[in-house]
Every structure is written in structure tokens, then in C-alpha cells.
Protein backbone atom coordinates (compact mmCIF):
# COMPACT_ATOMS: atom_id res chain seq x y z
CA UNK A 1 99.48 99.78 68.60
CA UNK A 2 101.47 100.42 71.51
CA UNK A 3 99.83 100.05 75.10
CA UNK A 4 98.40 102.86 76.90
CA UNK A 5 100.73 103.85 79.54
CA UNK A 6 99.48 102.59 82.83
CA UNK A 7 98.37 105.14 85.18
CA UNK A 8 100.53 104.89 88.72
CA UNK A 9 98.03 105.46 91.45
CA UNK A 10 100.63 104.61 94.64
CA UNK A 11 102.74 107.56 95.54
CA UNK A 12 105.77 105.46 96.02
CA UNK A 13 105.15 104.04 92.46
CA UNK A 14 105.42 107.60 91.12
CA UNK A 15 108.01 108.88 93.47
CA UNK A 16 110.98 106.37 92.54
CA UNK A 17 113.03 104.03 94.82
CA UNK A 18 113.98 105.00 98.53
CA UNK A 19 116.86 105.92 99.25
CA UNK A 20 118.01 105.88 103.12
CA UNK A 21 116.22 103.45 105.53
CA UNK A 22 116.35 103.16 109.09
CA UNK A 23 116.05 99.88 109.86
CA UNK A 24 113.25 96.78 111.42
CA UNK A 25 115.65 96.37 114.20
CA UNK A 26 117.25 100.36 114.81
CA UNK A 27 116.38 102.78 117.08
CA UNK A 28 117.38 106.91 116.02
CA UNK A 29 117.27 109.91 118.17
CA UNK A 30 117.94 112.91 116.37
CA UNK A 31 117.07 115.03 113.33
CA UNK A 32 117.01 113.82 109.54
CA UNK A 33 117.30 115.92 106.96
CA UNK A 34 118.23 115.76 103.51
CA UNK A 35 117.27 115.83 99.84
CA UNK A 36 116.53 112.15 98.67
CA UNK A 37 113.93 109.71 100.06
CA UNK A 38 113.75 108.09 103.79
CA UNK A 39 111.80 104.92 104.90
CA UNK A 40 111.32 104.64 108.62
CA UNK A 41 111.13 100.63 109.32
CA UNK A 42 112.30 100.84 112.48
CA UNK A 43 111.90 103.32 115.93
CA UNK A 44 112.62 107.19 115.56
CA UNK A 45 112.21 109.89 117.91
CA UNK A 46 112.94 113.37 116.38
CA UNK A 47 112.00 115.44 113.08
CA UNK A 48 112.57 115.05 109.66
CA UNK A 49 113.03 117.45 106.74
CA UNK A 50 113.23 115.84 103.50
CA UNK A 51 113.04 117.15 99.94
CA UNK A 52 111.51 113.93 98.89
CA UNK A 53 109.49 110.96 100.30
CA UNK A 54 109.21 109.81 103.85
CA UNK A 55 107.77 106.69 104.17
CA UNK A 56 106.79 104.94 107.61
CA UNK A 57 106.51 101.53 106.87
CA UNK A 58 103.98 98.79 108.67
CA UNK A 59 105.97 98.43 112.01
CA UNK A 60 108.01 101.41 111.92
CA UNK A 61 107.21 104.20 114.92
CA UNK A 62 108.17 107.96 115.00
CA UNK A 63 107.29 110.17 117.34
CA UNK A 64 108.12 113.88 116.01
CA UNK A 65 107.35 116.12 113.12
CA UNK A 66 107.51 115.72 109.43
CA UNK A 67 108.25 118.07 106.60
CA UNK A 68 108.21 116.76 103.19
CA UNK A 69 106.25 117.13 99.94
CA UNK A 70 105.56 113.15 100.18
CA UNK A 71 104.40 111.47 103.16
CA UNK A 72 103.32 107.54 103.23
CA UNK A 73 102.30 106.56 106.40
CA UNK A 74 101.99 102.68 107.14
CA UNK A 75 102.97 102.81 110.65
CA UNK A 76 102.28 104.59 113.69
CA UNK A 77 103.46 108.82 113.67
CA UNK A 78 102.69 110.55 116.97
CA UNK A 79 103.39 113.75 115.60
CA UNK A 80 102.57 116.41 113.14
CA UNK A 81 103.07 116.50 108.94
CA UNK A 82 103.73 119.73 107.50
CA UNK A 83 103.66 121.65 104.38
CA UNK A 84 103.21 118.43 102.28
CA UNK A 85 101.80 118.21 98.83
CA UNK A 86 100.53 115.00 99.34
CA UNK A 87 100.19 111.89 102.20
CA UNK A 88 99.21 108.64 101.85
CA UNK A 89 97.47 107.28 105.08
CA UNK A 90 97.59 103.39 104.44
CA UNK A 91 95.22 101.01 106.55
CA UNK A 92 97.77 99.83 108.85
CA UNK A 93 98.18 103.57 109.91
CA UNK A 94 97.82 104.78 113.52
CA UNK A 95 98.13 108.53 113.21
CA UNK A 96 98.14 111.06 116.48
CA UNK A 97 99.02 114.46 115.16
CA UNK A 98 97.96 117.28 112.47
CA UNK A 99 97.94 116.87 109.42
CA UNK A 100 98.63 119.92 106.79
CA UNK A 101 98.62 118.65 103.19
CA UNK A 102 97.39 119.76 99.63
CA UNK A 103 96.66 116.43 98.99
CA UNK A 104 95.21 113.82 101.59
CA UNK A 105 94.42 110.04 100.84
CA UNK A 106 92.61 108.10 104.04
CA UNK A 107 92.45 104.22 103.68
CA UNK A 108 89.57 102.51 105.24
CA UNK A 109 90.85 100.88 108.34
CA UNK A 110 93.30 103.82 109.60
CA UNK A 111 93.33 105.73 112.73
CA UNK A 112 93.61 109.41 112.74
CA UNK A 113 93.48 111.49 115.82
CA UNK A 114 94.13 115.33 115.07
CA UNK A 115 93.23 118.01 112.67
CA UNK A 116 93.77 117.59 109.07
CA UNK A 117 94.16 120.87 106.63
CA UNK A 118 93.82 120.92 102.94
CA UNK A 119 96.16 123.85 101.86
CA UNK A 120 96.32 125.49 98.75
CA UNK A 121 99.73 126.77 97.18
CA UNK A 122 99.40 130.00 99.09
CA UNK A 123 98.44 128.06 102.23
CA UNK A 124 94.92 128.97 102.55
CA UNK A 125 92.44 126.11 103.25
CA UNK A 126 90.69 124.61 100.18
CA UNK A 127 87.00 124.82 100.31
CA UNK A 128 84.04 124.73 97.28
CA UNK A 129 80.39 126.31 97.13
CA UNK A 130 77.72 123.53 96.67
CA UNK A 131 76.46 124.36 93.16
CA UNK A 132 73.18 122.58 93.57
CA UNK A 133 70.18 124.25 95.80
CA UNK A 134 68.92 121.91 98.91
CA UNK A 135 65.86 121.14 96.53
CA UNK A 136 67.84 119.70 93.53
CA UNK A 137 69.58 117.88 96.23
CA UNK A 138 66.44 116.24 97.70
CA UNK A 139 64.99 115.63 94.30
CA UNK A 140 68.10 113.99 92.51
CA UNK A 141 68.80 111.80 95.61
CA UNK A 142 64.97 110.28 94.76
CA UNK A 143 65.72 109.15 91.19
């Protein structure tokens, strides 16, 4: 019997390989745009607009805005994340800025100072209405 296909939980496992890298001992100032994925392992002062994954690796530092559908932050970001489909904030991450994304995963141990907005495809905030009443919640919690 064939094995069930393993569910890939980590964003970078689902996206594929990183195409461009700003290396550990590199400092870059300017704007980065393009189609393929990029990893910041050094220092970047400027904005990134990509159509694939943007990853700030552990030890990487960025000051500027990220506009990309997929963002992983392990290092430091001083700036906003805009129009993302999915943002992963890993345990080592340090973020000072706002995040606008449809899905946000935040690991314990990360630091975030800013506003997080989860938006639907039309740019409206995602919300839900609790179906249970307060009495049902209290009864359910006693069991």
C-alpha cells in the first residue's frame, strides 16, 4: 500500500527553494523586486516587493517594508509586512512594525511590537461570531 503523502506544515517546505540570498556578511541598501524567492541573512535597508517567498533568516536584519504573498521572519524586521497571504513569525524573530496578512502563525518566544490585521481576499478584517452563549461556555468549562 502506498504511503500517505506527508502534510508539509512549514511554509518553506511548501514553497520550494530560495532563489536569491543576501549573505551573512553583506549589507545592502536599496529596493529589491522580482518574481523569485529571496532570503535575507545579512543586513538590508530598503523595501522588498516579491511574488514569492521572502525570508529573513536568523541573524538577518531588515529595515523597510515587505510586500510578498509569503513571509518567514526568523531574524529582525523593523518595518511593515503588506498584502501577504501567509506570514510565519518564528521563535527567534524580533518584529517592530505592522503585519497585514490573511494568515499569521506566531511562535512562542518571538517578539512583535505593532498591529496585526488578518484580512480576507477583499481586504476586510476577518472576524467571527461566537455561537455559544455565556451560560453554555460556563457550563462547558466546568465539565
